Amino acid sequence: MEVFLGIDVGSVSTKMTAIDRQKRVVTSTYMMTMGQPVKMIREGLRRIRAELPEGVRVSGVGTTGSGRQLAGVLVGADSVKNEITAHAVAALELVPAVQTILEIGGQDSKIILLNDGVVVDFAMNTVCAAGTGSFLDRQAARLNIPIESFGALALESRNPVRIAGRCAVFAESDMIHKQQMGHETKDIVRGLCQALVRNFLNNVAKGKDIRPPVLFQGGVASNVGMKRAFEEALGFEVTIPEQHRVMGAVGAALLAMEAALKTKTTNFRGFGVADLDFSTRTFECHDCANNCEIVEISMEKTLVARWGSRCGKWDYVEPREDRAAGGD
C-alpha cells in the first residue's frame, strides 16, 4: 500500500493525515500542540504509523501551518506550503466549484475566495481572539459547558441575546452581564455564536464578496451553532466537510502527492524519526543592525537545518543525499 502524509502544525493543534493514491483519507489524527510542536509531531507520526497497515510505503509528505518549516525539517518534507494554499487545495478536491472558504482555528481565522479553482483573494485575523476557537473554549469553560455540547445547546435557543463580539474582553464582560440579568444559558450560547460570526464578517471578511458554494473548515466547524449562525447571516447554506478538522493536513498531503509524483522520489526520513532525539537552539546574530534571531534544529546532535537570517548568512538545510529516500 502507498500513502502520502500531510502535516498541519498550528499554534493550538497539530493535525496529520494519510491519503492513498485515490486521494481518500486512510487515517488521521488531531492533537493539541500545547506549545511543544516537536513533541507532537513525533507523537503524531507514532499514531499514524500504528493506524496504517503493515508494510505500507510513504511516497511523499507535505507540511503546512505556522510550524510548517519546523515540521518539514523534522520529517523530510517534499512540499512545504502555507495554510491558504493547503486549505484551498483540499476544498477544491472536495467541491471543485467552491467559491468561498471560511476557516476558523484555535487562534486565527481566515477567508479564502476562489474563482474557477484559483485563489483570488484572502484575509486572516491574527490579532483579536474574539473570532477564534480559543475564545469559545474559554467561554464554554466559564459557563461550565463541555465545548462538545456548545453547538447543540445553541440550537435549542429561541431567544438569543445580543452580545458584543468585536473584542474578546468586551464580549466576555457582556456575557457575564447577561448571565447576571437572568438570561438562559442556551440563549447566551447562541448569542456568542452569533457574535463570533458578526466579528468574522465585519473584520476578516469585511468588503469581501462571499458567494456559494461555501465551505466551513477548521476545528470550530464542529460547532453546529456556528454553522447555523453563518447560514442565518449569509442567507444560504454552508457546507462542513467530513474532514473539516484536518483539511489543512489533507491539502498538505495532496500537495505532497503532486510533488512526489513529479520527482518520483521522496525526502521522507521514515517513521523512525519519531524515536530520534531532536533539539532546537536559538541565538541572535549581531553582525548588523537587524539582530536576526536564528533557529537551529539538530537531530541526534547533528545539525539538520538553520534559518532566520534576513541576509541568508546562517541558512542551512541538510543536503538531500543525506536524507532517507522514503520509508515505511
Protein backbone atom coordinates (compact mmCIF):
# COMPACT_ATOMS: atom_id res chain seq x y z
CA MET A 1 0.00 0.00 0.00
CA GLU A 2 1.20 3.51 -0.84
CA VAL A 3 0.22 6.65 1.08
CA PHE A 4 1.06 10.36 1.22
CA LEU A 5 1.28 12.19 4.53
CA GLY A 6 0.04 15.69 5.32
CA ILE A 7 1.10 17.52 8.50
CA ASP A 8 -0.52 20.75 9.69
CA VAL A 9 1.22 22.27 12.72
CA GLY A 10 -0.70 25.17 14.21
CA SER A 11 -0.26 27.19 17.39
CA VAL A 12 -3.13 25.36 19.11
CA SER A 13 -3.43 22.00 17.33
CA THR A 14 -1.35 19.61 15.26
CA LYS A 15 -3.10 17.57 12.57
CA MET A 16 -1.83 14.67 10.48
CA THR A 17 -3.46 12.62 7.77
CA ALA A 18 -2.55 9.88 5.31
CA ILE A 19 -4.21 9.60 1.90
CA ASP A 20 -3.94 6.90 -0.73
CA ARG A 21 -3.39 7.20 -4.50
CA GLN A 22 -7.14 7.71 -4.97
CA LYS A 23 -6.92 10.74 -2.62
CA ARG A 24 -9.02 9.05 0.04
CA VAL A 25 -8.20 9.65 3.71
CA VAL A 26 -6.84 6.42 5.16
CA THR A 27 -6.31 7.70 8.69
CA SER A 28 -5.86 10.99 10.53
CA THR A 29 -5.12 12.34 13.99
CA TYR A 30 -5.83 15.61 15.79
CA MET A 31 -3.77 16.67 18.81
CA MET A 32 -3.28 19.81 20.89
CA THR A 33 0.14 21.34 20.23
CA MET A 34 0.49 22.60 23.84
CA GLY A 35 3.49 24.71 22.92
CA GLN A 36 5.52 21.60 22.08
CA PRO A 37 5.44 21.20 18.27
CA VAL A 38 8.43 18.84 18.07
CA LYS A 39 6.94 16.50 20.67
CA MET A 40 3.52 16.49 18.99
CA ILE A 41 4.95 15.92 15.50
CA ARG A 42 6.74 12.83 16.84
CA GLU A 43 3.60 11.68 18.66
CA GLY A 44 1.53 12.19 15.51
CA LEU A 45 3.91 10.05 13.47
CA ARG A 46 3.62 7.27 16.05
CA ARG A 47 -0.18 7.42 15.89
CA ILE A 48 -0.28 7.39 12.09
CA ARG A 49 2.23 4.53 11.94
CA ALA A 50 0.09 2.50 14.38
CA GLU A 51 -3.04 3.04 12.26
CA LEU A 52 -1.52 2.15 8.87
CA PRO A 53 -1.39 -1.44 7.58
CA GLU A 54 1.86 -3.39 7.89
CA GLY A 55 4.32 -2.77 5.07
CA VAL A 56 2.76 0.48 3.86
CA ARG A 57 5.08 2.81 1.94
CA VAL A 58 5.07 6.57 2.37
CA SER A 59 5.72 8.05 -1.07
CA GLY A 60 5.53 11.71 -0.10
CA VAL A 61 4.99 14.09 2.82
CA GLY A 62 3.86 17.71 2.94
CA THR A 63 3.70 20.26 5.75
CA THR A 64 1.65 23.40 6.35
CA GLY A 65 0.59 25.68 9.19
CA SER A 66 2.59 28.12 11.28
CA GLY A 67 5.04 25.34 12.17
CA ARG A 68 5.43 24.04 8.61
CA GLN A 69 9.11 24.88 8.31
CA LEU A 70 9.99 23.11 11.55
CA ALA A 71 7.84 20.10 10.65
CA GLY A 72 9.35 19.99 7.15
CA VAL A 73 12.86 19.70 8.54
CA LEU A 74 11.92 17.05 11.11
CA VAL A 75 10.13 14.68 8.73
CA GLY A 76 11.90 15.47 5.45
CA ALA A 77 9.08 17.17 3.57
CA ASP A 78 8.63 17.12 -0.20
CA SER A 79 6.25 20.08 -0.05
CA VAL A 80 6.16 23.00 2.43
CA LYS A 81 3.22 25.32 1.71
CA ASN A 82 1.26 27.98 3.59
CA GLU A 83 -2.17 27.20 5.05
CA ILE A 84 -4.03 29.31 2.48
CA THR A 85 -2.77 27.05 -0.31
CA ALA A 86 -3.32 23.85 1.66
CA HIS A 87 -6.92 24.65 2.64
CA ALA A 88 -7.77 25.76 -0.89
CA VAL A 89 -6.34 22.59 -2.45
CA ALA A 90 -8.28 20.36 -0.04
CA ALA A 91 -11.53 22.28 -0.58
CA LEU A 92 -11.22 22.17 -4.37
CA GLU A 93 -10.66 18.43 -4.27
CA LEU A 94 -13.91 18.02 -2.33
CA VAL A 95 -16.04 20.69 -4.05
CA PRO A 96 -14.45 21.79 -7.37
CA ALA A 97 -16.97 24.65 -7.69
CA VAL A 98 -16.25 26.11 -4.22
CA GLN A 99 -16.03 29.92 -4.23
CA THR A 100 -15.62 30.73 -0.53
CA ILE A 101 -13.75 29.02 2.30
CA LEU A 102 -14.37 30.06 5.90
CA GLU A 103 -11.73 28.66 8.25
CA ILE A 104 -11.67 29.23 12.00
CA GLY A 105 -8.99 27.62 14.11
CA GLY A 106 -7.85 27.90 17.69
CA GLN A 107 -6.10 31.26 17.48
CA ASP A 108 -6.73 32.60 14.00
CA SER A 109 -9.36 32.71 11.32
CA LYS A 110 -9.28 33.23 7.58
CA ILE A 111 -11.42 33.63 4.49
CA ILE A 112 -10.34 32.43 1.06
CA LEU A 113 -12.10 33.47 -2.13
CA LEU A 114 -11.76 31.41 -5.31
CA ASN A 115 -12.76 31.88 -8.91
CA ASP A 116 -12.60 28.99 -11.39
CA GLY A 117 -10.42 27.00 -9.00
CA VAL A 118 -7.91 29.80 -8.41
CA VAL A 119 -7.41 31.74 -5.16
CA VAL A 120 -8.18 35.38 -6.00
CA ASP A 121 -8.29 36.90 -2.51
CA PHE A 122 -7.88 36.03 1.14
CA ALA A 123 -7.69 37.64 4.56
CA MET A 124 -6.60 36.49 8.00
CA ASN A 125 -7.27 37.63 11.55
CA THR A 126 -4.38 37.00 13.91
CA VAL A 127 -4.86 39.97 16.25
CA CYS A 128 -8.05 39.54 18.31
CA ALA A 129 -9.10 36.24 19.88
CA ALA A 130 -12.82 37.16 19.80
CA GLY A 131 -13.32 35.41 16.48
CA THR A 132 -11.46 32.18 17.21
CA GLY A 133 -11.91 28.79 18.81
CA SER A 134 -9.88 29.64 21.91
CA PHE A 135 -12.46 32.32 22.75
CA LEU A 136 -15.30 29.79 22.51
CA ASP A 137 -13.34 27.32 24.64
CA ARG A 138 -12.83 29.93 27.33
CA GLN A 139 -16.48 30.95 27.42
CA ALA A 140 -17.63 27.32 27.46
CA ALA A 141 -15.40 26.76 30.50
CA ARG A 142 -16.79 29.87 32.19
CA LEU A 143 -20.35 28.64 31.56
CA ASN A 144 -19.33 25.16 32.76
CA ILE A 145 -20.43 23.59 29.47
CA PRO A 146 -18.39 20.93 27.61
CA ILE A 147 -17.29 22.53 24.33
CA GLU A 148 -18.63 19.42 22.55
CA SER A 149 -22.15 20.34 23.73
CA PHE A 150 -21.86 24.04 22.92
CA GLY A 151 -23.33 23.92 19.41
CA ALA A 152 -26.24 21.61 20.23
CA LEU A 153 -27.21 23.83 23.17
CA ALA A 154 -27.14 26.89 20.90
CA LEU A 155 -29.68 25.26 18.56
CA GLU A 156 -32.13 24.87 21.46
CA SER A 157 -32.35 28.65 21.87
CA ARG A 158 -35.34 30.56 20.55
CA ASN A 159 -34.44 33.95 22.04
CA PRO A 160 -30.69 34.53 21.55
CA VAL A 161 -29.28 37.53 23.38
CA ARG A 162 -27.13 40.05 21.55
CA ILE A 163 -23.55 40.03 22.81
CA ALA A 164 -20.83 42.47 21.81
CA GLY A 165 -18.37 40.50 19.71
CA ARG A 166 -15.79 42.95 18.40
CA CYS A 167 -13.43 42.46 21.33
CA ALA A 168 -12.78 39.34 23.43
CA VAL A 169 -12.64 41.35 26.66
CA PHE A 170 -15.88 43.25 25.96
CA ALA A 171 -17.64 40.07 24.78
CA GLU A 172 -16.74 38.27 28.00
CA SER A 173 -17.91 41.21 30.13
CA ASP A 174 -21.14 41.43 28.16
CA MET A 175 -21.74 37.70 28.55
CA ILE A 176 -21.29 37.94 32.33
CA HIS A 177 -23.70 40.89 32.40
CA LYS A 178 -26.31 38.86 30.50
CA GLN A 179 -25.89 36.00 33.00
CA GLN A 180 -26.44 38.36 35.90
CA MET A 181 -29.58 39.70 34.23
CA GLY A 182 -31.02 36.17 34.27
CA HIS A 183 -30.88 35.15 30.62
CA GLU A 184 -30.93 31.40 29.97
CA THR A 185 -27.62 29.74 29.24
CA LYS A 186 -28.78 28.41 25.86
CA ASP A 187 -29.73 31.94 24.76
CA ILE A 188 -26.32 33.25 25.84
CA VAL A 189 -24.56 30.42 24.00
CA ARG A 190 -26.43 31.14 20.77
CA GLY A 191 -25.71 34.83 21.23
CA LEU A 192 -22.00 34.03 21.50
CA CYS A 193 -22.11 32.07 18.24
CA GLN A 194 -23.82 34.96 16.50
CA ALA A 195 -21.30 37.41 17.98
CA LEU A 196 -18.39 35.38 16.60
CA VAL A 197 -19.98 35.29 13.16
CA ARG A 198 -20.51 39.07 13.24
CA ASN A 199 -16.89 39.51 14.29
CA PHE A 200 -15.72 37.33 11.40
CA LEU A 201 -17.89 39.02 8.77
CA ASN A 202 -17.14 42.57 9.99
CA ASN A 203 -13.40 42.10 10.37
CA VAL A 204 -11.90 39.17 8.48
CA ALA A 205 -14.45 39.19 5.65
CA LYS A 206 -15.04 42.95 5.55
CA GLY A 207 -15.53 44.08 1.96
CA LYS A 208 -15.34 40.51 0.61
CA ASP A 209 -17.89 39.16 -1.86
CA ILE A 210 -18.94 35.89 -0.23
CA ARG A 211 -20.52 33.58 -2.80
CA PRO A 212 -21.75 29.98 -2.57
CA PRO A 213 -20.73 27.21 -2.52
CA VAL A 214 -19.25 27.99 0.89
CA LEU A 215 -17.14 25.51 2.87
CA PHE A 216 -16.67 25.95 6.62
CA GLN A 217 -13.41 24.39 7.79
CA GLY A 218 -11.29 24.25 10.94
CA GLY A 219 -11.95 22.96 14.44
CA VAL A 220 -14.74 25.49 15.10
CA ALA A 221 -16.74 23.96 12.22
CA SER A 222 -17.54 21.11 14.65
CA ASN A 223 -19.85 23.58 16.38
CA VAL A 224 -23.27 23.26 14.73
CA GLY A 225 -24.30 26.50 16.40
CA MET A 226 -21.64 28.35 14.41
CA LYS A 227 -22.83 26.72 11.19
CA ARG A 228 -26.40 27.89 11.86
CA ALA A 229 -25.20 31.40 12.75
CA PHE A 230 -23.23 31.68 9.49
CA GLU A 231 -26.22 30.47 7.46
CA GLU A 232 -28.53 32.99 9.15
CA ALA A 233 -26.10 35.84 8.49
CA LEU A 234 -25.27 34.87 4.88
CA GLY A 235 -28.70 33.70 3.79
CA PHE A 236 -27.56 30.46 2.16
CA GLU A 237 -26.26 27.00 3.06
CA VAL A 238 -22.79 26.48 4.48
CA THR A 239 -21.19 23.06 3.93
CA ILE A 240 -18.99 21.41 6.55
CA PRO A 241 -16.63 18.77 5.06
CA GLU A 242 -16.37 15.43 6.82
CA GLN A 243 -12.66 16.04 7.41
CA HIS A 244 -13.15 19.70 8.40
CA ARG A 245 -10.79 19.49 11.40
CA VAL A 246 -7.87 18.23 9.31
CA MET A 247 -8.47 19.92 5.95
CA GLY A 248 -5.11 21.70 6.15
CA ALA A 249 -3.37 18.35 6.57
CA VAL A 250 -5.41 16.86 3.72
CA GLY A 251 -4.31 19.73 1.48
CA ALA A 252 -0.69 19.23 2.53
CA ALA A 253 -0.95 15.53 1.64
CA LEU A 254 -2.42 16.34 -1.77
CA LEU A 255 0.41 18.80 -2.44
CA ALA A 256 2.93 16.16 -1.33
CA MET A 257 1.43 13.70 -3.79
CA GLU A 258 1.73 16.23 -6.59
CA ALA A 259 5.37 16.97 -5.73
CA ALA A 260 6.41 13.34 -5.24
CA LEU A 261 4.80 12.16 -8.47
CA LYS A 262 6.89 14.74 -10.34
CA THR A 263 10.21 13.80 -8.76
CA LYS A 264 9.48 10.06 -8.45
CA THR A 265 11.17 10.11 -5.03
CA THR A 266 10.63 11.47 -1.52
CA ASN A 267 12.66 13.15 1.21
CA PHE A 268 10.66 11.44 3.97
CA ARG A 269 13.01 10.30 6.72
CA GLY A 270 10.77 7.40 7.69
CA PHE A 271 8.56 6.83 10.73
CA GLY A 272 11.71 6.07 12.70
CA VAL A 273 12.24 9.82 13.19
CA ALA A 274 9.52 9.64 15.85
CA ASP A 275 12.03 7.79 18.03
CA LEU A 276 15.01 10.07 17.36
CA ASP A 277 16.17 12.90 19.59
CA PHE A 278 15.57 16.38 18.14
CA SER A 279 16.68 19.59 19.81
CA THR A 280 16.29 23.28 18.99
CA ARG A 281 18.51 26.24 19.77
CA THR A 282 18.12 29.96 19.11
CA PHE A 283 20.60 32.80 19.13
CA GLU A 284 20.82 36.37 17.90
CA CYS A 285 23.16 37.46 15.14
CA HIS A 286 24.70 40.87 15.91
CA ASP A 287 26.69 41.25 12.69
CA CYS A 288 24.34 44.05 11.56
CA ALA A 289 21.52 46.23 12.88
CA ASN A 290 18.85 43.63 12.03
CA ASN A 291 19.79 41.47 15.06
CA CYS A 292 18.14 38.43 13.44
CA GLU A 293 17.01 35.58 15.69
CA ILE A 294 18.43 32.35 14.31
CA VAL A 295 16.81 28.94 14.87
CA GLU A 296 18.86 25.73 14.74
CA ILE A 297 17.42 22.20 14.55
CA SER A 298 19.62 19.22 15.41
CA MET A 299 18.84 15.51 15.10
CA GLU A 300 20.83 13.17 17.33
CA LYS A 301 23.18 16.14 17.96
CA THR A 302 23.77 16.61 14.20
CA LEU A 303 22.70 19.92 12.65
CA VAL A 304 19.97 19.40 10.04
CA ALA A 305 18.66 22.95 9.49
CA ARG A 306 19.10 26.56 10.43
CA TRP A 307 17.06 29.61 9.41
CA GLY A 308 16.05 33.11 10.45
CA SER A 309 18.69 35.41 8.91
CA ARG A 310 17.44 38.07 6.51
CA CYS A 311 20.65 38.02 4.50
CA GLY A 312 20.80 34.22 4.36
CA LYS A 313 24.18 34.07 6.09
CA TRP A 314 23.13 31.45 8.62
CA ASP A 315 20.66 29.50 6.47
CA TYR A 316 21.38 25.80 6.19
CA VAL A 317 19.44 22.73 5.11
CA GLU A 318 20.84 19.22 5.30
CA PRO A 319 21.86 18.05 1.78
CA ARG A 320 19.20 15.93 0.10
CA GLU A 321 21.50 12.93 -0.40
CA ASP A 322 21.89 12.66 3.39
CA ARG A 323 18.20 12.06 3.87
CA ALA A 324 16.27 8.83 3.74
CA ALA A 325 14.73 8.16 0.33
CA GLY A 326 11.28 7.31 1.59
CA GLY A 327 10.40 4.87 4.32
CA ASP A 328 7.94 2.52 5.95
